[in-house]
Protein backbone atom coordinates (compact mmCIF):
# COMPACT_ATOMS: atom_id res chain seq x y z
CA UNK A 1 -14.23 19.52 -6.63
CA UNK A 2 -13.13 15.90 -5.47
CA UNK A 3 -15.54 12.98 -6.23
CA UNK A 4 -15.50 9.90 -4.37
CA UNK A 5 -14.80 6.82 -6.54
CA UNK A 6 -14.44 4.14 -4.12
CA UNK A 7 -16.19 4.12 -0.50
CA UNK A 8 -15.69 1.37 1.66
CA UNK A 9 -17.68 1.35 5.20
CA UNK A 10 -17.68 -1.26 7.93
CA UNK A 11 -16.29 -4.10 5.72
CA UNK A 12 -15.89 -7.42 7.35
CA UNK A 13 -14.95 -10.84 5.87
CA UNK A 14 -14.90 -14.00 7.96
CA UNK A 15 -13.46 -17.26 6.81
CA UNK A 16 -15.16 -19.45 9.61
CA UNK A 17 -14.08 -17.95 13.03
CA UNK A 18 -11.38 -16.04 11.34
CA UNK A 19 -11.69 -12.46 10.48
CA UNK A 20 -9.85 -11.40 7.45
CA UNK A 21 -11.20 -8.04 7.53
CA UNK A 22 -12.53 -6.33 10.75
CA UNK A 23 -14.88 -3.30 9.93
CA UNK A 24 -12.49 -1.42 7.60
CA UNK A 25 -13.36 1.83 5.88
CA UNK A 26 -11.75 4.11 3.46
CA UNK A 27 -12.28 6.21 0.28
CA UNK A 28 -10.50 6.98 -2.90
CA UNK A 29 -11.23 10.05 -4.76
CA UNK A 30 -11.29 10.57 -8.57
CA UNK A 31 -7.74 10.95 -10.02
CA UNK A 32 -6.01 9.68 -6.89
CA UNK A 33 -3.33 6.83 -6.50
CA UNK A 34 -3.83 5.36 -3.11
CA UNK A 35 -1.64 2.87 -1.65
CA UNK A 36 -3.20 -0.05 0.18
CA UNK A 37 -0.11 -1.01 2.36
CA UNK A 38 0.09 -3.78 4.97
CA UNK A 39 2.49 -7.03 5.69
CA UNK A 40 1.69 -10.16 3.85
CA UNK A 41 -1.58 -11.77 5.50
CA UNK A 42 -2.92 -8.54 6.43
CA UNK A 43 -6.07 -8.74 4.46
CA UNK A 44 -5.02 -6.71 1.41
CA UNK A 45 -5.98 -9.34 -1.00
CA UNK A 46 -9.45 -10.28 0.51
CA UNK A 47 -10.28 -6.48 0.38
CA UNK A 48 -9.28 -6.21 -3.12
CA UNK A 49 -11.28 -9.26 -4.36
CA UNK A 50 -14.21 -7.88 -2.56
CA UNK A 51 -13.74 -4.59 -4.24
CA UNK A 52 -13.48 -6.26 -7.70
CA UNK A 53 -16.87 -8.05 -7.13
CA UNK A 54 -15.01 -11.48 -6.92
CA UNK A 55 -15.68 -12.30 -3.31
CA UNK A 56 -18.67 -11.17 -1.08
CA UNK A 57 -18.33 -9.46 2.30
CA UNK A 58 -19.64 -10.87 5.52
CA UNK A 59 -20.96 -7.35 6.43
CA UNK A 60 -20.27 -3.80 5.19
CA UNK A 61 -20.77 -1.93 2.08
CA UNK A 62 -18.63 -1.15 -1.03
CA UNK A 63 -19.48 1.49 -3.68
CA UNK A 64 -17.79 2.15 -6.69
CA UNK A 65 -18.39 5.19 -8.84
CA UNK A 66 -21.36 5.64 -6.72
CA UNK A 67 -22.70 2.22 -7.51
CA UNK A 68 -23.56 -0.42 -4.65
CA UNK A 69 -21.42 -3.38 -5.56
CA UNK A 70 -23.68 -5.67 -3.35
CA UNK A 71 -27.10 -4.34 -4.81
CA UNK A 72 -25.83 -3.76 -8.39
CA UNK A 73 -22.70 -5.97 -8.97
CA UNK A 74 -22.87 -6.06 -12.79
CA UNK A 75 -23.04 -2.14 -13.11
CA UNK A 76 -20.31 -1.58 -10.36
CA UNK A 77 -17.79 -4.14 -11.96
CA UNK A 78 -18.25 -2.51 -15.44
CA UNK A 79 -16.65 0.70 -13.74
CA UNK A 80 -13.55 -1.58 -12.65
CA UNK A 81 -10.50 -2.74 -14.06
CA UNK A 82 -8.65 -5.27 -12.00
CA UNK A 83 -5.15 -6.84 -11.91
CA UNK A 84 -4.81 -9.81 -9.56
CA UNK A 85 -1.47 -10.58 -8.30
CA UNK A 86 -1.21 -13.15 -11.08
CA UNK A 87 -2.03 -11.51 -14.35
CA UNK A 88 -5.01 -13.42 -16.21
CA UNK A 89 -2.80 -14.14 -19.19
CA UNK A 90 -3.88 -16.36 -22.09
CA UNK A 91 -0.62 -17.84 -23.29
CA UNK A 92 -1.94 -18.96 -26.87
CA UNK A 93 -2.94 -15.42 -27.76
CA UNK A 94 -1.09 -12.56 -29.13
CA UNK A 95 -1.20 -9.31 -27.27
CA UNK A 96 -3.51 -7.84 -29.97
CA UNK A 97 -5.59 -10.76 -29.92
CA UNK A 98 -5.72 -10.89 -26.11
CA UNK A 99 -6.74 -7.31 -25.65
CA UNK A 100 -9.40 -7.34 -28.51
CA UNK A 101 -10.90 -10.12 -26.92
CA UNK A 102 -10.95 -8.47 -23.36
CA UNK A 103 -12.12 -5.23 -24.76
CA UNK A 104 -15.34 -7.13 -26.48
CA UNK A 105 -15.80 -9.30 -23.31
CA UNK A 106 -15.96 -5.63 -21.42
CA UNK A 107 -18.54 -4.59 -23.70
CA UNK A 108 -16.44 -1.65 -25.76
CA UNK A 109 -18.46 -0.88 -28.43
CA UNK A 110 -17.47 -2.94 -31.71
CA UNK A 111 -16.64 0.22 -33.44
CA UNK A 112 -14.32 1.28 -30.89
CA UNK A 113 -12.42 -1.84 -30.05
CA UNK A 114 -9.58 -1.43 -32.41
CA UNK A 115 -8.76 2.23 -31.52
CA UNK A 116 -9.10 1.18 -27.74
CA UNK A 117 -6.77 -1.84 -28.22
CA UNK A 118 -4.31 0.63 -30.12
CA UNK A 119 -4.41 3.40 -27.42
CA UNK A 120 -3.88 0.88 -24.60
CA UNK A 121 -1.10 -0.85 -26.10
CA UNK A 122 0.75 2.59 -26.84
CA UNK A 123 -0.19 3.51 -23.14
CA UNK A 124 1.61 0.40 -21.77
CA UNK A 125 4.47 0.15 -23.87
CA UNK A 126 3.19 -2.90 -25.80
CA UNK A 127 3.07 -1.78 -29.48
CA UNK A 128 6.32 -3.54 -30.56
CA UNK A 129 4.99 -6.86 -28.87
CA UNK A 130 1.48 -6.43 -30.45
CA UNK A 131 1.78 -9.81 -32.67
CA UNK A 132 3.88 -11.72 -30.22
CA UNK A 133 2.23 -14.64 -28.20
CA UNK A 134 1.91 -14.00 -24.56
CA UNK A 135 3.83 -16.86 -23.65
CA UNK A 136 6.67 -15.82 -25.43
CA UNK A 137 6.89 -12.53 -23.47
CA UNK A 138 9.14 -11.55 -20.42
CA UNK A 139 7.60 -11.47 -17.06
CA UNK A 140 7.81 -7.53 -17.17
CA UNK A 141 5.91 -7.59 -20.52
CA UNK A 142 3.51 -10.01 -19.38
CA UNK A 143 2.75 -7.67 -16.21
CA UNK A 144 2.04 -4.83 -18.75
CA UNK A 145 -0.23 -6.97 -20.69
CA UNK A 146 -1.94 -7.64 -17.25
CA UNK A 147 -2.46 -3.79 -16.57
CA UNK A 148 -3.48 -3.24 -20.37
CA UNK A 149 -6.47 -5.80 -19.93
CA UNK A 150 -7.20 -3.79 -16.61
CA UNK A 151 -7.79 -0.48 -18.67
CA UNK A 152 -8.67 -1.45 -22.19
CA UNK A 153 -12.31 -0.52 -21.40
CA UNK A 154 -11.46 2.98 -19.96
CA UNK A 155 -12.58 2.11 -16.46
CA UNK A 156 -12.90 4.78 -13.81
CA UNK A 157 -11.25 2.72 -11.20
CA UNK A 158 -8.28 0.54 -11.38
CA UNK A 159 -7.52 -1.96 -8.93
CA UNK A 160 -3.80 -3.48 -8.69
CA UNK A 161 -2.75 -6.16 -6.44
CA UNK A 162 0.98 -6.26 -6.00
CA UNK A 163 1.81 -5.22 -9.49
CA UNK A 164 5.59 -5.28 -9.40
CA UNK A 165 6.10 -8.64 -7.49
CA UNK A 166 8.88 -10.72 -9.08
CA UNK A 167 10.02 -8.13 -11.53
CA UNK A 168 13.62 -7.15 -12.17
CA UNK A 169 14.62 -3.23 -10.86
CA UNK A 170 14.46 -1.83 -14.61
CA UNK A 171 10.91 -3.52 -14.87
CA UNK A 172 9.89 -2.37 -11.46
CA UNK A 173 10.88 1.28 -12.61
CA UNK A 174 8.54 1.27 -15.71
CA UNK A 175 5.58 -0.30 -14.22
CA UNK A 176 5.71 2.53 -11.58
CA UNK A 177 5.95 5.27 -13.79
CA UNK A 178 2.97 3.69 -15.78
CA UNK A 179 0.91 3.68 -12.37
CA UNK A 180 1.88 7.36 -11.82
CA UNK A 181 0.32 8.20 -15.30
CA UNK A 182 -2.82 6.11 -14.71
CA UNK A 183 -3.41 8.26 -11.60
CA UNK A 184 -4.29 11.15 -14.06
CA UNK A 185 -6.94 9.47 -15.84
CA UNK A 186 -8.16 6.93 -13.36
CA UNK A 187 -8.61 6.45 -9.74
CA UNK A 188 -5.98 3.92 -8.63
CA UNK A 189 -6.06 1.37 -5.74
CA UNK A 190 -2.31 0.02 -5.45
CA UNK A 191 -1.93 -2.97 -2.82
CA UNK A 192 1.51 -3.53 -2.01
CA UNK A 193 4.05 -4.58 1.14
CA UNK A 194 6.82 -2.62 -0.88
CA UNK A 195 7.33 0.63 0.84
CA UNK A 196 9.35 2.39 -1.81
CA UNK A 197 6.54 1.59 -4.19
CA UNK A 198 4.15 3.71 -2.21
CA UNK A 199 6.58 6.82 -1.72
CA UNK A 200 7.08 6.99 -5.55
CA UNK A 201 3.61 6.20 -6.91
CA UNK A 202 0.89 7.30 -4.16
CA UNK A 203 -0.86 10.54 -2.99
CA UNK A 204 -2.23 8.88 -0.19
CA UNK A 205 -1.98 5.53 1.85
CA UNK A 206 -4.30 3.27 3.99
CA UNK A 207 -2.30 0.78 6.25
CA UNK A 208 -3.89 -2.40 7.15
CA UNK A 209 -2.85 -4.98 9.99
CA UNK A 210 -4.46 -8.13 11.31
CA UNK A 211 -7.66 -6.78 9.00
CA UNK A 212 -7.83 -3.59 10.56
CA UNK A 213 -7.02 -0.06 8.98
CA UNK A 214 -4.41 1.47 11.42
CA UNK A 215 -3.68 4.42 9.46
CA UNK A 216 -5.41 6.53 6.64
CA UNK A 217 -3.58 9.73 5.46
CA UNK A 218 -1.12 11.48 2.92
CA UNK A 219 2.64 10.53 3.17
CA UNK A 220 3.28 14.04 4.63
CA UNK A 221 0.29 13.66 7.29
CA UNK A 222 1.71 10.08 8.42
CA UNK A 223 5.20 11.85 8.85
CA UNK A 224 3.84 14.78 10.80
CA UNK A 225 1.73 12.59 13.15
CA UNK A 226 4.76 10.39 13.56
CA UNK A 227 7.24 13.39 14.25
CA UNK A 228 4.59 14.30 17.09
CA UNK A 229 6.13 11.54 19.39
CA UNK A 230 8.87 13.85 20.46
CA UNK A 231 11.64 11.45 19.35
CA UNK A 232 14.90 12.89 18.82
CA UNK A 233 18.25 11.70 17.53
CA UNK A 234 21.77 11.75 19.56
CA UNK A 235 25.02 11.01 18.45
CA UNK A 236 28.38 10.54 20.55
CA UNK A 237 31.81 10.15 20.00
CA UNK A 238 32.16 7.55 22.66
CA UNK A 239 28.36 6.32 22.81
CA UNK A 240 27.20 4.36 25.79
CA UNK A 241 25.79 0.81 25.65
CA UNK A 242 22.19 0.46 24.64
CA UNK A 243 21.27 -1.02 27.96
CA UNK A 244 22.52 2.38 29.56
CA UNK A 245 20.31 4.49 27.35
CA UNK A 246 17.25 2.43 28.14
CA UNK A 247 17.50 2.89 31.65
CA UNK A 248 17.85 6.71 31.61
CA UNK A 249 14.55 8.05 33.22
CA UNK A 250 12.07 9.10 30.89
CA UNK A 251 13.34 7.12 27.77
CA UNK A 252 10.68 4.93 26.16
CA UNK A 253 12.48 3.28 23.35
CA UNK A 254 15.90 3.58 21.89
CA UNK A 255 16.91 2.64 18.36
CA UNK A 256 20.15 2.53 16.53
CA UNK A 257 20.35 4.77 13.17
CA UNK A 258 22.97 6.39 11.05
CA UNK A 259 25.60 5.84 13.61
CA UNK A 260 23.67 7.24 16.52
CA UNK A 261 20.30 6.49 18.34
CA UNK A 262 16.86 7.54 17.96
CA UNK A 263 15.31 7.99 21.38
CA UNK A 264 11.65 8.33 21.73
CA UNK A 265 10.59 9.75 25.21
CA UNK A 266 7.93 8.72 27.72
CA UNK A 267 4.78 10.68 26.84
CA UNK A 268 5.04 13.93 28.97
CA UNK A 269 8.56 13.31 29.98
CA UNK A 270 11.80 14.89 28.87
CA UNK A 271 15.03 12.77 29.29
CA UNK A 272 17.16 15.25 27.20
CA UNK A 273 18.53 17.03 30.33
CA UNK A 274 19.61 13.96 31.99
CA UNK A 275 21.10 12.47 28.80
CA UNK A 276 23.25 15.66 28.22
CA UNK A 277 24.30 15.87 31.90
CA UNK A 278 25.36 12.10 31.57
CA UNK A 279 27.17 12.81 28.09
CA UNK A 280 29.35 15.55 30.04
CA UNK A 281 30.00 13.58 33.31
CA UNK A 282 30.56 10.24 31.99
CA UNK A 283 32.74 11.22 28.70
CA UNK A 284 30.31 10.27 26.11
CA UNK A 285 31.13 13.47 24.00
CA UNK A 286 27.84 14.51 22.61
CA UNK A 287 28.11 15.49 18.97
CA UNK A 288 24.59 15.68 17.85
CA UNK A 289 21.43 16.42 19.21
CA UNK A 290 18.42 16.90 16.57
CA UNK A 291 14.46 16.18 16.28
CA UNK A 292 14.08 12.84 14.66
CA UNK A 293 11.98 12.43 11.36
CA UNK A 294 10.86 9.05 10.95
CA UNK A 295 11.25 7.13 7.57
CA UNK A 296 8.10 5.53 5.96
CA UNK A 297 9.65 2.17 7.05
CA UNK A 298 9.65 3.27 10.57
CA UNK A 299 6.10 4.66 10.52
CA UNK A 300 5.07 1.35 9.07
CA UNK A 301 6.83 -0.83 11.52
CA UNK A 302 5.52 1.32 14.30
CA UNK A 303 1.99 1.24 13.07
CA UNK A 304 1.90 -2.55 12.69
CA UNK A 305 3.89 -3.57 15.74
CA UNK A 306 1.85 -1.13 17.86
CA UNK A 307 -1.20 -2.92 16.74
CA UNK A 308 0.15 -6.44 17.54
CA UNK A 309 1.34 -5.44 20.96
CA UNK A 310 -2.15 -3.95 21.61
CA UNK A 311 -3.88 -7.34 20.52
CA UNK A 312 -1.30 -9.13 22.69
CA UNK A 313 -2.09 -7.20 25.76
CA UNK A 314 -6.10 -7.29 25.33
CA UNK A 315 -5.68 -11.07 24.80
CA UNK A 316 -3.84 -11.47 28.47
CA UNK A 317 -0.76 -13.63 28.99
CA UNK A 318 -0.52 -16.90 27.53
CA UNK A 319 -0.02 -20.05 29.39
CA UNK A 320 2.89 -22.61 28.31
CA UNK A 321 1.73 -26.05 27.96
């Protein structure tokens, strides 16, 4: 049976007149790796800081492992391991000294500190760097040390804010593998704006844009919902101009893809018969006609741009001055 380890309800955070978070809510279950996905400035880091107990919300509630972060912050924080975007590294310490200090700070029993540190270094691939100063480590190994400090006390919830930013491709692959492994033992919330990261590490994803949750589902669920738009792919030997396709009755949107066009119909309309007829009469020479499955990138863009368009429409036309 699943157990809810993170539960956020109606979470709002204001900075003066600006709403960084606007009534967001989602859950993360035990053993799950959930991607918290959104463009830069969407509100991800603000939400993470509130979850970690560093920042207070304006409104709403946060529960971690069943504990109320507002009413019982010390106990709730003890259940969390947090890696901020910039790892909290003490350059003058060795890796072992650093993790030993953090384990004691997180109240790991004295008799268990050594074994906790050794186990964590093993998990994070840091054993061979144990006696090196943190300032002398590469960025990838400093990031590993940052993840290690987040899990040295065996928290039930691990919160990672942009854990692979600035790493090289080999380091990114290694950190993603480590995150996948963490999901078997901890509940992980992974904040990122890197789409491939979500694809290879996460069971589920919440998409945030302009301080609001615009999607919350498994990757498969998002893709199934996207396919419900009725979009299709067409490729011609002698393709028409984009403007010609956009003017066909029943066509809502046209996008270029893989040497052809992805066409989204107006809801309730079917432009395919007209497109097939024109392909024949105007010599476009139709070669492919297939249902169009959207990539994660296309789903993300559709979700975020749709929200921005709705916001623009609701605010009305702007006046030039």
